[in-house]
Amino acid sequence: FYEAKAKQTWAKVNEPGARWSDQLATAEKVFEEYFLTSVGDNAADFLGDAAFERGDFENAERYWRSVLEKHPDSDVSEARLLFKRGLALAELAQGS
């Protein structure tokens, strides 16, 4: 039902000249409002990468886990998600 709107919103992330803060806000909107669409998994992966880069390993792991648990038809490689999630969990374990 929301597929077209989700794709239209997600496309804004890849617009030339898009500011990083706008890309993050758009990806968060797609994740929150359209997660179960065909681009929701891409938004979660994008947000996971962004969270990992800023050292927010807990949220990175949460985003990637959400794809693994709730988006079985994801076009994001399961092996890639498992690897990235493992890295985030390892970083969390080292920080404890």
C-alpha atoms as a PDB file:
ATOM      1  CA  PHE A   1       0.000   0.000   0.000  1.00  0.00           C
ATOM      2  CA  TYR A   2       2.850   2.411   0.818  1.00  0.00           C
ATOM      3  CA  GLU A   3       5.402   1.056  -1.644  1.00  0.00           C
ATOM      4  CA  ALA A   4       5.387   4.007  -4.057  1.00  0.00           C
ATOM      5  CA  LYS A   5       5.618   6.606  -1.286  1.00  0.00           C
ATOM      6  CA  ALA A   6       8.420   4.640   0.398  1.00  0.00           C
ATOM      7  CA  LYS A   7      10.453   4.436  -2.814  1.00  0.00           C
ATOM      8  CA  GLN A   8       9.887   8.116  -3.524  1.00  0.00           C
ATOM      9  CA  THR A   9      11.031   9.053  -0.028  1.00  0.00           C
ATOM     10  CA  TRP A  10      14.040   6.705  -0.132  1.00  0.00           C
ATOM     11  CA  ALA A  11      15.169   8.177  -3.467  1.00  0.00           C
ATOM     12  CA  LYS A  12      15.838  11.472  -1.670  1.00  0.00           C
ATOM     13  CA  VAL A  13      18.719   9.824   0.212  1.00  0.00           C
ATOM     14  CA  ASN A  14      20.638   9.386  -3.039  1.00  0.00           C
ATOM     15  CA  GLU A  15      19.881  12.774  -4.576  1.00  0.00           C
ATOM     16  CA  PRO A  16      22.990  14.622  -5.739  1.00  0.00           C
ATOM     17  CA  GLY A  17      24.010  17.271  -3.270  1.00  0.00           C
ATOM     18  CA  ALA A  18      21.855  15.909  -0.448  1.00  0.00           C
ATOM     19  CA  ARG A  19      23.185  16.934   2.947  1.00  0.00           C
ATOM     20  CA  TRP A  20      24.203  14.161   5.352  1.00  0.00           C
ATOM     21  CA  SER A  21      21.744  15.336   8.001  1.00  0.00           C
ATOM     22  CA  ASP A  22      18.919  15.267   5.448  1.00  0.00           C
ATOM     23  CA  GLN A  23      19.941  11.800   4.293  1.00  0.00           C
ATOM     24  CA  LEU A  24      19.847  10.533   7.879  1.00  0.00           C
ATOM     25  CA  ALA A  25      16.473  12.137   8.558  1.00  0.00           C
ATOM     26  CA  THR A  26      15.016  10.673   5.374  1.00  0.00           C
ATOM     27  CA  ALA A  27      16.402   7.207   6.094  1.00  0.00           C
ATOM     28  CA  GLU A  28      14.964   7.388   9.618  1.00  0.00           C
ATOM     29  CA  LYS A  29      11.569   8.349   8.181  1.00  0.00           C
ATOM     30  CA  VAL A  30      11.646   5.372   5.816  1.00  0.00           C
ATOM     31  CA  PHE A  31      12.702   3.073   8.648  1.00  0.00           C
ATOM     32  CA  GLU A  32      10.004   4.309  11.015  1.00  0.00           C
ATOM     33  CA  GLU A  33       7.118   4.667   8.563  1.00  0.00           C
ATOM     34  CA  TYR A  34       7.851   2.243   5.731  1.00  0.00           C
ATOM     35  CA  PHE A  35      10.058  -0.503   7.164  1.00  0.00           C
ATOM     36  CA  LEU A  36       8.061  -3.371   5.690  1.00  0.00           C
ATOM     37  CA  THR A  37       8.319  -2.020   2.134  1.00  0.00           C
ATOM     38  CA  SER A  38      10.998  -3.043  -0.354  1.00  0.00           C
ATOM     39  CA  VAL A  39      13.243  -0.138   0.687  1.00  0.00           C
ATOM     40  CA  GLY A  40      12.828  -0.394   4.461  1.00  0.00           C
ATOM     41  CA  ASP A  41      15.693  -2.854   4.739  1.00  0.00           C
ATOM     42  CA  ASN A  42      17.959  -0.499   2.782  1.00  0.00           C
ATOM     43  CA  ALA A  43      17.102   2.328   5.169  1.00  0.00           C
ATOM     44  CA  ALA A  44      17.884   0.130   8.173  1.00  0.00           C
ATOM     45  CA  ASP A  45      21.209  -0.921   6.651  1.00  0.00           C
ATOM     46  CA  PHE A  46      22.069   2.717   5.879  1.00  0.00           C
ATOM     47  CA  LEU A  47      21.200   3.769   9.432  1.00  0.00           C
ATOM     48  CA  GLY A  48      23.159   0.853  10.857  1.00  0.00           C
ATOM     49  CA  ASP A  49      26.232   1.921   8.902  1.00  0.00           C
ATOM     50  CA  ALA A  50      25.807   5.525  10.056  1.00  0.00           C
ATOM     51  CA  ALA A  51      25.372   4.489  13.702  1.00  0.00           C
ATOM     52  CA  PHE A  52      28.452   2.238  13.525  1.00  0.00           C
ATOM     53  CA  GLU A  53      30.566   5.019  12.020  1.00  0.00           C
ATOM     54  CA  ARG A  54      29.707   7.362  14.892  1.00  0.00           C
ATOM     55  CA  GLY A  55      30.426   4.661  17.497  1.00  0.00           C
ATOM     56  CA  ASP A  56      26.798   3.936  18.366  1.00  0.00           C
ATOM     57  CA  PHE A  57      27.232   0.170  18.223  1.00  0.00           C
ATOM     58  CA  GLU A  58      24.040  -0.612  20.125  1.00  0.00           C
ATOM     59  CA  ASN A  59      21.839   1.129  17.570  1.00  0.00           C
ATOM     60  CA  ALA A  60      23.879  -0.213  14.662  1.00  0.00           C
ATOM     61  CA  GLU A  61      23.252  -3.729  15.912  1.00  0.00           C
ATOM     62  CA  ARG A  62      19.552  -2.959  16.422  1.00  0.00           C
ATOM     63  CA  TYR A  63      19.094  -1.701  12.862  1.00  0.00           C
ATOM     64  CA  TRP A  64      20.855  -4.693  11.309  1.00  0.00           C
ATOM     65  CA  ARG A  65      19.028  -7.152  13.582  1.00  0.00           C
ATOM     66  CA  SER A  66      15.698  -5.645  12.550  1.00  0.00           C
ATOM     67  CA  VAL A  67      16.420  -6.529   8.930  1.00  0.00           C
ATOM     68  CA  LEU A  68      17.477 -10.072   9.809  1.00  0.00           C
ATOM     69  CA  GLU A  69      14.454 -10.684  12.011  1.00  0.00           C
ATOM     70  CA  LYS A  70      11.688  -8.809  10.202  1.00  0.00           C
ATOM     71  CA  HIS A  71      12.698  -8.525   6.557  1.00  0.00           C
ATOM     72  CA  PRO A  72      13.346 -12.083   5.309  1.00  0.00           C
ATOM     73  CA  ASP A  73      13.037 -11.032   1.653  1.00  0.00           C
ATOM     74  CA  SER A  74      15.720  -8.364   1.993  1.00  0.00           C
ATOM     75  CA  ASP A  75      17.957  -7.592  -0.950  1.00  0.00           C
ATOM     76  CA  VAL A  76      20.740  -6.816   1.531  1.00  0.00           C
ATOM     77  CA  SER A  77      22.991  -9.853   1.846  1.00  0.00           C
ATOM     78  CA  GLU A  78      22.274 -11.878   4.975  1.00  0.00           C
ATOM     79  CA  ALA A  79      25.967 -12.729   5.292  1.00  0.00           C
ATOM     80  CA  ARG A  80      26.850  -9.035   5.133  1.00  0.00           C
ATOM     81  CA  LEU A  81      24.263  -8.168   7.792  1.00  0.00           C
ATOM     82  CA  LEU A  82      25.451 -10.972  10.062  1.00  0.00           C
ATOM     83  CA  PHE A  83      29.055  -9.848   9.684  1.00  0.00           C
ATOM     84  CA  LYS A  84      28.274  -6.209  10.435  1.00  0.00           C
ATOM     85  CA  ARG A  85      26.059  -7.173  13.356  1.00  0.00           C
ATOM     86  CA  GLY A  86      28.875  -9.346  14.709  1.00  0.00           C
ATOM     87  CA  LEU A  87      31.277  -6.413  14.499  1.00  0.00           C
ATOM     88  CA  ALA A  88      28.853  -4.202  16.405  1.00  0.00           C
ATOM     89  CA  LEU A  89      28.366  -6.866  19.091  1.00  0.00           C
ATOM     90  CA  ALA A  90      32.139  -7.306  19.378  1.00  0.00           C
ATOM     91  CA  GLU A  91      32.578  -3.559  19.833  1.00  0.00           C
ATOM     92  CA  LEU A  92      29.852  -3.561  22.503  1.00  0.00           C
ATOM     93  CA  ALA A  93      31.557  -6.430  24.307  1.00  0.00           C
ATOM     94  CA  GLN A  94      34.898  -4.594  24.300  1.00  0.00           C
ATOM     95  CA  GLY A  95      33.280  -1.477  25.682  1.00  0.00           C
ATOM     96  CA  SER A  96      31.829  -3.270  28.692  1.00  0.00           C
END
